[in-house]
PDB file of N, CA and C in Angstrom:
ATOM      1  N   MET A   1      -5.140 -38.203 -40.756  1.00  0.00           N
ATOM      2  CA  MET A   1      -3.842 -37.684 -40.374  1.00  0.00           C
ATOM      3  C   MET A   1      -3.849 -36.156 -40.309  1.00  0.00           C
ATOM      4  N   ARG A   2      -4.523 -35.509 -41.271  1.00  0.00           N
ATOM      5  CA  ARG A   2      -4.586 -34.053 -41.270  1.00  0.00           C
ATOM      6  C   ARG A   2      -5.318 -33.590 -40.040  1.00  0.00           C
ATOM      7  N   ARG A   3      -6.395 -34.307 -39.668  1.00  0.00           N
ATOM      8  CA  ARG A   3      -7.177 -33.890 -38.532  1.00  0.00           C
ATOM      9  C   ARG A   3      -6.302 -33.973 -37.268  1.00  0.00           C
ATOM     10  N   LEU A   4      -5.507 -34.995 -37.128  1.00  0.00           N
ATOM     11  CA  LEU A   4      -4.624 -35.163 -35.952  1.00  0.00           C
ATOM     12  C   LEU A   4      -3.615 -33.976 -35.916  1.00  0.00           C
ATOM     13  N   LEU A   5      -2.973 -33.706 -37.051  1.00  0.00           N
ATOM     14  CA  LEU A   5      -2.024 -32.597 -37.073  1.00  0.00           C
ATOM     15  C   LEU A   5      -2.637 -31.306 -36.747  1.00  0.00           C
ATOM     16  N   LEU A   6      -3.866 -31.046 -37.257  1.00  0.00           N
ATOM     17  CA  LEU A   6      -4.566 -29.792 -36.950  1.00  0.00           C
ATOM     18  C   LEU A   6      -4.894 -29.753 -35.475  1.00  0.00           C
ATOM     19  N   SER A   7      -5.309 -30.848 -34.897  1.00  0.00           N
ATOM     20  CA  SER A   7      -5.600 -30.879 -33.462  1.00  0.00           C
ATOM     21  C   SER A   7      -4.366 -30.566 -32.666  1.00  0.00           C
ATOM     22  N   LEU A   8      -3.272 -31.183 -33.006  1.00  0.00           N
ATOM     23  CA  LEU A   8      -2.023 -30.940 -32.303  1.00  0.00           C
ATOM     24  C   LEU A   8      -1.575 -29.498 -32.443  1.00  0.00           C
ATOM     25  N   ALA A   9      -1.714 -28.918 -33.620  1.00  0.00           N
ATOM     26  CA  ALA A   9      -1.341 -27.534 -33.855  1.00  0.00           C
ATOM     27  C   ALA A   9      -2.178 -26.563 -32.997  1.00  0.00           C
ATOM     28  N   LEU A  10      -3.446 -26.902 -32.841  1.00  0.00           N
ATOM     29  CA  LEU A  10      -4.377 -26.004 -32.137  1.00  0.00           C
ATOM     30  C   LEU A  10      -4.153 -26.076 -30.618  1.00  0.00           C
ATOM     31  N   PHE A  11      -3.781 -27.253 -30.139  1.00  0.00           N
ATOM     32  CA  PHE A  11      -3.663 -27.413 -28.664  1.00  0.00           C
ATOM     33  C   PHE A  11      -2.244 -27.357 -28.166  1.00  0.00           C
ATOM     34  N   ALA A  12      -1.254 -27.350 -29.074  1.00  0.00           N
ATOM     35  CA  ALA A  12       0.156 -27.317 -28.641  1.00  0.00           C
ATOM     36  C   ALA A  12       0.479 -26.073 -27.798  1.00  0.00           C
ATOM     37  N   PRO A  13       0.003 -24.874 -28.155  1.00  0.00           N
ATOM     38  CA  PRO A  13       0.309 -23.699 -27.307  1.00  0.00           C
ATOM     39  C   PRO A  13      -0.196 -23.831 -25.917  1.00  0.00           C
ATOM     40  N   LEU A  14      -1.276 -24.536 -25.710  1.00  0.00           N
ATOM     41  CA  LEU A  14      -1.788 -24.671 -24.340  1.00  0.00           C
ATOM     42  C   LEU A  14      -0.892 -25.475 -23.485  1.00  0.00           C
ATOM     43  N   ALA A  15      -0.222 -26.423 -24.076  1.00  0.00           N
ATOM     44  CA  ALA A  15       0.684 -27.273 -23.280  1.00  0.00           C
ATOM     45  C   ALA A  15       1.889 -26.516 -22.776  1.00  0.00           C
ATOM     46  N   TYR A  16       2.262 -25.438 -23.427  1.00  0.00           N
ATOM     47  CA  TYR A  16       3.432 -24.657 -23.026  1.00  0.00           C
ATOM     48  C   TYR A  16       3.075 -23.344 -22.380  1.00  0.00           C
ATOM     49  N   ALA A  17       1.820 -23.111 -22.107  1.00  0.00           N
ATOM     50  CA  ALA A  17       1.426 -21.869 -21.504  1.00  0.00           C
ATOM     51  C   ALA A  17       1.976 -21.760 -20.069  1.00  0.00           C
ATOM     52  N   GLY A  18       2.304 -20.576 -19.655  1.00  0.00           N
ATOM     53  CA  GLY A  18       2.765 -20.333 -18.333  1.00  0.00           C
ATOM     54  C   GLY A  18       1.600 -20.289 -17.359  1.00  0.00           C
ATOM     55  N   PRO A  19       1.888 -20.051 -16.094  1.00  0.00           N
ATOM     56  CA  PRO A  19       0.839 -20.023 -15.091  1.00  0.00           C
ATOM     57  C   PRO A  19      -0.048 -18.767 -15.184  1.00  0.00           C
ATOM     58  N   GLU A  20      -1.152 -18.854 -14.578  1.00  0.00           N
ATOM     59  CA  GLU A  20      -2.068 -17.679 -14.381  1.00  0.00           C
ATOM     60  C   GLU A  20      -1.727 -17.110 -13.028  1.00  0.00           C
ATOM     61  N   CYS A  21      -1.218 -15.869 -13.016  1.00  0.00           N
ATOM     62  CA  CYS A  21      -0.713 -15.323 -11.742  1.00  0.00           C
ATOM     63  C   CYS A  21      -1.779 -14.490 -10.971  1.00  0.00           C
ATOM     64  N   THR A  22      -2.602 -13.760 -11.694  1.00  0.00           N
ATOM     65  CA  THR A  22      -3.554 -12.902 -10.972  1.00  0.00           C
ATOM     66  C   THR A  22      -4.729 -12.566 -11.878  1.00  0.00           C
ATOM     67  N   THR A  23      -5.844 -12.301 -11.287  1.00  0.00           N
ATOM     68  CA  THR A  23      -7.007 -11.780 -12.017  1.00  0.00           C
ATOM     69  C   THR A  23      -7.225 -10.311 -11.643  1.00  0.00           C
ATOM     70  N   ALA A  24      -6.386  -9.765 -10.738  1.00  0.00           N
ATOM     71  CA  ALA A  24      -6.508  -8.411 -10.324  1.00  0.00           C
ATOM     72  C   ALA A  24      -6.331  -7.419 -11.466  1.00  0.00           C
ATOM     73  N   ASP A  25      -6.993  -6.318 -11.393  1.00  0.00           N
ATOM     74  CA  ASP A  25      -6.850  -5.263 -12.392  1.00  0.00           C
ATOM     75  C   ASP A  25      -5.389  -4.744 -12.376  1.00  0.00           C
ATOM     76  N   ALA A  26      -4.907  -4.375 -13.560  1.00  0.00           N
ATOM     77  CA  ALA A  26      -3.510  -3.925 -13.692  1.00  0.00           C
ATOM     78  C   ALA A  26      -3.204  -2.698 -12.840  1.00  0.00           C
ATOM     79  N   SER A  27      -4.242  -1.943 -12.459  1.00  0.00           N
ATOM     80  CA  SER A  27      -3.991  -0.779 -11.611  1.00  0.00           C
ATOM     81  C   SER A  27      -3.538  -1.194 -10.198  1.00  0.00           C
ATOM     82  N   GLN A  28      -3.725  -2.472  -9.843  1.00  0.00           N
ATOM     83  CA  GLN A  28      -3.311  -2.957  -8.557  1.00  0.00           C
ATOM     84  C   GLN A  28      -1.906  -3.588  -8.584  1.00  0.00           C
ATOM     85  N   TRP A  29      -1.316  -3.703  -9.763  1.00  0.00           N
ATOM     86  CA  TRP A  29      -0.029  -4.347  -9.891  1.00  0.00           C
ATOM     87  C   TRP A  29       1.061  -3.440  -9.415  1.00  0.00           C
ATOM     88  N   GLN A  30       2.190  -4.011  -8.968  1.00  0.00           N
ATOM     89  CA  GLN A  30       3.349  -3.239  -8.590  1.00  0.00           C
ATOM     90  C   GLN A  30       3.943  -2.599  -9.862  1.00  0.00           C
ATOM     91  N   ASP A  31       4.567  -1.445  -9.679  1.00  0.00           N
ATOM     92  CA  ASP A  31       5.236  -0.767 -10.803  1.00  0.00           C
ATOM     93  C   ASP A  31       6.344  -1.667 -11.364  1.00  0.00           C
ATOM     94  N   GLN A  32       6.333  -1.821 -12.662  1.00  0.00           N
ATOM     95  CA  GLN A  32       7.310  -2.734 -13.346  1.00  0.00           C
ATOM     96  C   GLN A  32       8.753  -2.300 -13.068  1.00  0.00           C
ATOM     97  N   GLY A  33       9.065  -1.020 -13.185  1.00  0.00           N
ATOM     98  CA  GLY A  33      10.441  -0.541 -12.992  1.00  0.00           C
ATOM     99  C   GLY A  33      10.872  -0.771 -11.540  1.00  0.00           C
ATOM    100  N   LYS A  34      10.052  -0.456 -10.576  1.00  0.00           N
ATOM    101  CA  LYS A  34      10.421  -0.642  -9.169  1.00  0.00           C
ATOM    102  C   LYS A  34      10.540  -2.136  -8.885  1.00  0.00           C
ATOM    103  N   PHE A  35       9.651  -2.965  -9.462  1.00  0.00           N
ATOM    104  CA  PHE A  35       9.731  -4.411  -9.254  1.00  0.00           C
ATOM    105  C   PHE A  35      11.096  -4.955  -9.705  1.00  0.00           C
ATOM    106  N   GLN A  36      11.525  -4.525 -10.866  1.00  0.00           N
ATOM    107  CA  GLN A  36      12.799  -5.008 -11.440  1.00  0.00           C
ATOM    108  C   GLN A  36      13.940  -4.510 -10.544  1.00  0.00           C
ATOM    109  N   GLU A  37      13.891  -3.285 -10.086  1.00  0.00           N
ATOM    110  CA  GLU A  37      14.943  -2.758  -9.238  1.00  0.00           C
ATOM    111  C   GLU A  37      15.035  -3.516  -7.939  1.00  0.00           C
ATOM    112  N   ASP A  38      13.917  -3.907  -7.376  1.00  0.00           N
ATOM    113  CA  ASP A  38      13.900  -4.697  -6.143  1.00  0.00           C
ATOM    114  C   ASP A  38      14.516  -6.072  -6.401  1.00  0.00           C
ATOM    115  N   LEU A  39      14.236  -6.680  -7.564  1.00  0.00           N
ATOM    116  CA  LEU A  39      14.855  -7.977  -7.881  1.00  0.00           C
ATOM    117  C   LEU A  39      16.390  -7.849  -8.015  1.00  0.00           C
ATOM    118  N   LYS A  40      16.821  -6.770  -8.676  1.00  0.00           N
ATOM    119  CA  LYS A  40      18.262  -6.555  -8.857  1.00  0.00           C
ATOM    120  C   LYS A  40      18.944  -6.337  -7.502  1.00  0.00           C
ATOM    121  N   ALA A  41      18.233  -5.680  -6.564  1.00  0.00           N
ATOM    122  CA  ALA A  41      18.770  -5.446  -5.213  1.00  0.00           C
ATOM    123  C   ALA A  41      18.898  -6.810  -4.433  1.00  0.00           C
ATOM    124  N   GLN A  42      18.086  -7.758  -4.859  1.00  0.00           N
ATOM    125  CA  GLN A  42      18.140  -9.090  -4.229  1.00  0.00           C
ATOM    126  C   GLN A  42      19.270  -9.974  -4.895  1.00  0.00           C
ATOM    127  N   GLY A  43      19.905  -9.456  -5.928  1.00  0.00           N
ATOM    128  CA  GLY A  43      20.998 -10.132  -6.571  1.00  0.00           C
ATOM    129  C   GLY A  43      20.675 -10.762  -7.898  1.00  0.00           C
ATOM    130  N   TYR A  44      19.480 -10.537  -8.402  1.00  0.00           N
ATOM    131  CA  TYR A  44      19.103 -11.059  -9.735  1.00  0.00           C
ATOM    132  C   TYR A  44      19.744 -10.205 -10.864  1.00  0.00           C
ATOM    133  N   LYS A  45      20.134 -10.844 -11.898  1.00  0.00           N
ATOM    134  CA  LYS A  45      20.549 -10.152 -13.136  1.00  0.00           C
ATOM    135  C   LYS A  45      19.488 -10.493 -14.175  1.00  0.00           C
ATOM    136  N   ILE A  46      18.776  -9.510 -14.659  1.00  0.00           N
ATOM    137  CA  ILE A  46      17.671  -9.751 -15.528  1.00  0.00           C
ATOM    138  C   ILE A  46      18.093  -9.502 -16.983  1.00  0.00           C
ATOM    139  N   LYS A  47      17.935 -10.604 -17.785  1.00  0.00           N
ATOM    140  CA  LYS A  47      18.185 -10.496 -19.220  1.00  0.00           C
ATOM    141  C   LYS A  47      16.909 -10.055 -19.921  1.00  0.00           C
ATOM    142  N   VAL A  48      15.762 -10.631 -19.595  1.00  0.00           N
ATOM    143  CA  VAL A  48      14.452 -10.345 -20.178  1.00  0.00           C
ATOM    144  C   VAL A  48      13.427 -10.200 -19.090  1.00  0.00           C
ATOM    145  N   PHE A  49      12.620  -9.159 -19.193  1.00  0.00           N
ATOM    146  CA  PHE A  49      11.492  -8.938 -18.309  1.00  0.00           C
ATOM    147  C   PHE A  49      10.290  -8.736 -19.149  1.00  0.00           C
ATOM    148  N   LYS A  50       9.205  -9.446 -18.842  1.00  0.00           N
ATOM    149  CA  LYS A  50       7.978  -9.254 -19.672  1.00  0.00           C
ATOM    150  C   LYS A  50       6.745  -9.549 -18.836  1.00  0.00           C
ATOM    151  N   VAL A  51       5.618  -9.141 -19.398  1.00  0.00           N
ATOM    152  CA  VAL A  51       4.338  -9.436 -18.819  1.00  0.00           C
ATOM    153  C   VAL A  51       3.716 -10.507 -19.682  1.00  0.00           C
ATOM    154  N   THR A  52       3.332 -11.600 -19.064  1.00  0.00           N
ATOM    155  CA  THR A  52       2.803 -12.763 -19.804  1.00  0.00           C
ATOM    156  C   THR A  52       1.311 -12.650 -20.059  1.00  0.00           C
ATOM    157  N   ASP A  53       0.784 -13.543 -20.903  1.00  0.00           N
ATOM    158  CA  ASP A  53      -0.626 -13.611 -21.174  1.00  0.00           C
ATOM    159  C   ASP A  53      -1.385 -14.091 -19.927  1.00  0.00           C
ATOM    160  N   GLY A  54      -0.706 -14.722 -18.999  1.00  0.00           N
ATOM    161  CA  GLY A  54      -1.295 -15.188 -17.741  1.00  0.00           C
ATOM    162  C   GLY A  54      -1.230 -14.190 -16.638  1.00  0.00           C
ATOM    163  N   ASN A  55      -0.983 -12.915 -17.018  1.00  0.00           N
ATOM    164  CA  ASN A  55      -0.910 -11.830 -16.008  1.00  0.00           C
ATOM    165  C   ASN A  55       0.187 -12.016 -14.980  1.00  0.00           C
ATOM    166  N   CYS A  56       1.349 -12.382 -15.439  1.00  0.00           N
ATOM    167  CA  CYS A  56       2.510 -12.544 -14.593  1.00  0.00           C
ATOM    168  C   CYS A  56       3.598 -11.595 -15.023  1.00  0.00           C
ATOM    169  N   TYR A  57       4.488 -11.220 -14.078  1.00  0.00           N
ATOM    170  CA  TYR A  57       5.769 -10.638 -14.452  1.00  0.00           C
ATOM    171  C   TYR A  57       6.709 -11.834 -14.602  1.00  0.00           C
ATOM    172  N   GLU A  58       7.407 -11.922 -15.710  1.00  0.00           N
ATOM    173  CA  GLU A  58       8.290 -13.043 -15.967  1.00  0.00           C
ATOM    174  C   GLU A  58       9.692 -12.529 -16.236  1.00  0.00           C
ATOM    175  N   ILE A  59      10.670 -13.178 -15.602  1.00  0.00           N
ATOM    176  CA  ILE A  59      12.059 -12.805 -15.866  1.00  0.00           C
ATOM    177  C   ILE A  59      12.832 -14.014 -16.380  1.00  0.00           C
ATOM    178  N   TYR A  60      13.781 -13.744 -17.271  1.00  0.00           N
ATOM    179  CA  TYR A  60      14.833 -14.656 -17.634  1.00  0.00           C
ATOM    180  C   TYR A  60      16.140 -14.017 -17.231  1.00  0.00           C
ATOM    181  N   GLY A  61      16.974 -14.757 -16.559  1.00  0.00           N
ATOM    182  CA  GLY A  61      18.239 -14.133 -16.123  1.00  0.00           C
ATOM    183  C   GLY A  61      18.996 -15.097 -15.225  1.00  0.00           C
ATOM    184  N   TRP A  62      19.649 -14.525 -14.210  1.00  0.00           N
ATOM    185  CA  TRP A  62      20.493 -15.268 -13.281  1.00  0.00           C
ATOM    186  C   TRP A  62      20.180 -14.844 -11.865  1.00  0.00           C
ATOM    187  N   ASP A  63      20.255 -15.825 -10.942  1.00  0.00           N
ATOM    188  CA  ASP A  63      20.090 -15.488  -9.510  1.00  0.00           C
ATOM    189  C   ASP A  63      21.454 -15.098  -8.943  1.00  0.00           C
ATOM    190  N   LYS A  64      21.422 -14.796  -7.614  1.00  0.00           N
ATOM    191  CA  LYS A  64      22.702 -14.327  -6.982  1.00  0.00           C
ATOM    192  C   LYS A  64      23.772 -15.380  -6.965  1.00  0.00           C
ATOM    193  N   GLU A  65      23.414 -16.643  -7.192  1.00  0.00           N
ATOM    194  CA  GLU A  65      24.440 -17.714  -7.260  1.00  0.00           C
ATOM    195  C   GLU A  65      24.922 -17.908  -8.671  1.00  0.00           C
ATOM    196  N   GLY A  66      24.426 -17.124  -9.639  1.00  0.00           N
ATOM    197  CA  GLY A  66      24.836 -17.205 -11.007  1.00  0.00           C
ATOM    198  C   GLY A  66      24.127 -18.289 -11.812  1.00  0.00           C
ATOM    199  N   ARG A  67      23.102 -18.892 -11.262  1.00  0.00           N
ATOM    200  CA  ARG A  67      22.320 -19.893 -11.968  1.00  0.00           C
ATOM    201  C   ARG A  67      21.295 -19.289 -12.889  1.00  0.00           C
ATOM    202  N   LYS A  68      21.082 -19.875 -14.060  1.00  0.00           N
ATOM    203  CA  LYS A  68      20.062 -19.374 -14.971  1.00  0.00           C
ATOM    204  C   LYS A  68      18.690 -19.645 -14.400  1.00  0.00           C
ATOM    205  N   VAL A  69      17.829 -18.640 -14.459  1.00  0.00           N
ATOM    206  CA  VAL A  69      16.501 -18.777 -13.925  1.00  0.00           C
ATOM    207  C   VAL A  69      15.419 -18.265 -14.873  1.00  0.00           C
ATOM    208  N   GLU A  70      14.256 -18.853 -14.767  1.00  0.00           N
ATOM    209  CA  GLU A  70      13.056 -18.345 -15.422  1.00  0.00           C
ATOM    210  C   GLU A  70      12.010 -18.335 -14.320  1.00  0.00           C
ATOM    211  N   ILE A  71      11.497 -17.137 -13.970  1.00  0.00           N
ATOM    212  CA  ILE A  71      10.610 -17.049 -12.818  1.00  0.00           C
ATOM    213  C   ILE A  71       9.394 -16.240 -13.186  1.00  0.00           C
ATOM    214  N   TYR A  72       8.237 -16.757 -12.823  1.00  0.00           N
ATOM    215  CA  TYR A  72       6.953 -16.051 -12.992  1.00  0.00           C
ATOM    216  C   TYR A  72       6.536 -15.501 -11.606  1.00  0.00           C
ATOM    217  N   PHE A  73       6.214 -14.217 -11.583  1.00  0.00           N
ATOM    218  CA  PHE A  73       5.793 -13.590 -10.296  1.00  0.00           C
ATOM    219  C   PHE A  73       4.399 -13.061 -10.408  1.00  0.00           C
ATOM    220  N   ASP A  74       3.675 -13.134  -9.272  1.00  0.00           N
ATOM    221  CA  ASP A  74       2.393 -12.476  -9.147  1.00  0.00           C
ATOM    222  C   ASP A  74       2.714 -10.995  -9.095  1.00  0.00           C
ATOM    223  N   PRO A  75       2.187 -10.161 -10.039  1.00  0.00           N
ATOM    224  CA  PRO A  75       2.541  -8.709 -10.026  1.00  0.00           C
ATOM    225  C   PRO A  75       1.884  -7.917  -8.936  1.00  0.00           C
ATOM    226  N   VAL A  76       0.954  -8.503  -8.206  1.00  0.00           N
ATOM    227  CA  VAL A  76       0.317  -7.806  -7.062  1.00  0.00           C
ATOM    228  C   VAL A  76       1.124  -8.051  -5.827  1.00  0.00           C
ATOM    229  N   SER A  77       1.345  -9.346  -5.493  1.00  0.00           N
ATOM    230  CA  SER A  77       2.022  -9.669  -4.252  1.00  0.00           C
ATOM    231  C   SER A  77       3.526  -9.693  -4.372  1.00  0.00           C
ATOM    232  N   GLY A  78       4.021  -9.911  -5.622  1.00  0.00           N
ATOM    233  CA  GLY A  78       5.446 -10.016  -5.829  1.00  0.00           C
ATOM    234  C   GLY A  78       6.008 -11.410  -5.580  1.00  0.00           C
ATOM    235  N   LYS A  79       5.191 -12.334  -5.185  1.00  0.00           N
ATOM    236  CA  LYS A  79       5.620 -13.683  -4.865  1.00  0.00           C
ATOM    237  C   LYS A  79       5.850 -14.531  -6.109  1.00  0.00           C
ATOM    238  N   ALA A  80       6.901 -15.380  -6.067  1.00  0.00           N
ATOM    239  CA  ALA A  80       7.158 -16.259  -7.196  1.00  0.00           C
ATOM    240  C   ALA A  80       6.043 -17.312  -7.256  1.00  0.00           C
ATOM    241  N   VAL A  81       5.505 -17.467  -8.505  1.00  0.00           N
ATOM    242  CA  VAL A  81       4.429 -18.461  -8.748  1.00  0.00           C
ATOM    243  C   VAL A  81       5.031 -19.710  -9.343  1.00  0.00           C
ATOM    244  N   LYS A  82       6.014 -19.582 -10.141  1.00  0.00           N
ATOM    245  CA  LYS A  82       6.707 -20.698 -10.782  1.00  0.00           C
ATOM    246  C   LYS A  82       8.158 -20.330 -11.030  1.00  0.00           C
ATOM    247  N   THR A  83       9.049 -21.272 -10.671  1.00  0.00           N
ATOM    248  CA  THR A  83      10.474 -20.988 -10.825  1.00  0.00           C
ATOM    249  C   THR A  83      11.147 -22.216 -11.504  1.00  0.00           C
ATOM    250  N   GLU A  84      11.964 -21.931 -12.462  1.00  0.00           N
ATOM    251  CA  GLU A  84      12.792 -22.937 -13.129  1.00  0.00           C
ATOM    252  C   GLU A  84      14.232 -22.504 -13.000  1.00  0.00           C
ATOM    253  N   ILE A  85      15.089 -23.404 -12.485  1.00  0.00           N
ATOM    254  CA  ILE A  85      16.502 -23.068 -12.288  1.00  0.00           C
ATOM    255  C   ILE A  85      17.339 -24.091 -13.045  1.00  0.00           C
ATOM    256  N   ASP A  86      18.295 -23.614 -13.841  1.00  0.00           N
ATOM    257  CA  ASP A  86      19.267 -24.481 -14.507  1.00  0.00           C
ATOM    258  C   ASP A  86      20.550 -24.408 -13.683  1.00  0.00           C
ATOM    259  N   ASP A  87      20.959 -25.567 -13.173  1.00  0.00           N
ATOM    260  CA  ASP A  87      22.193 -25.593 -12.419  1.00  0.00           C
ATOM    261  C   ASP A  87      23.401 -25.666 -13.285  1.00  0.00           C
TER     262      ASP A  87
END
């Protein structure tokens, strides 16, 4: 039983890991401040902005329709890699 619990504890974080967005060097990434301003200009309201372990820009907030969103972006291209929307 202990071995099972230890195995679950070791691998649980992998199950919840976000996507891998880029392998490009950080010097090629878009500026974080400008990126956020561009999202706000598109109607997003950003509650949390962060850089993930998978080299993504991630936001928690609301889209222009007022829906809660969690979006992972490729910091080089700016394209959404994964999007979760709560209606």
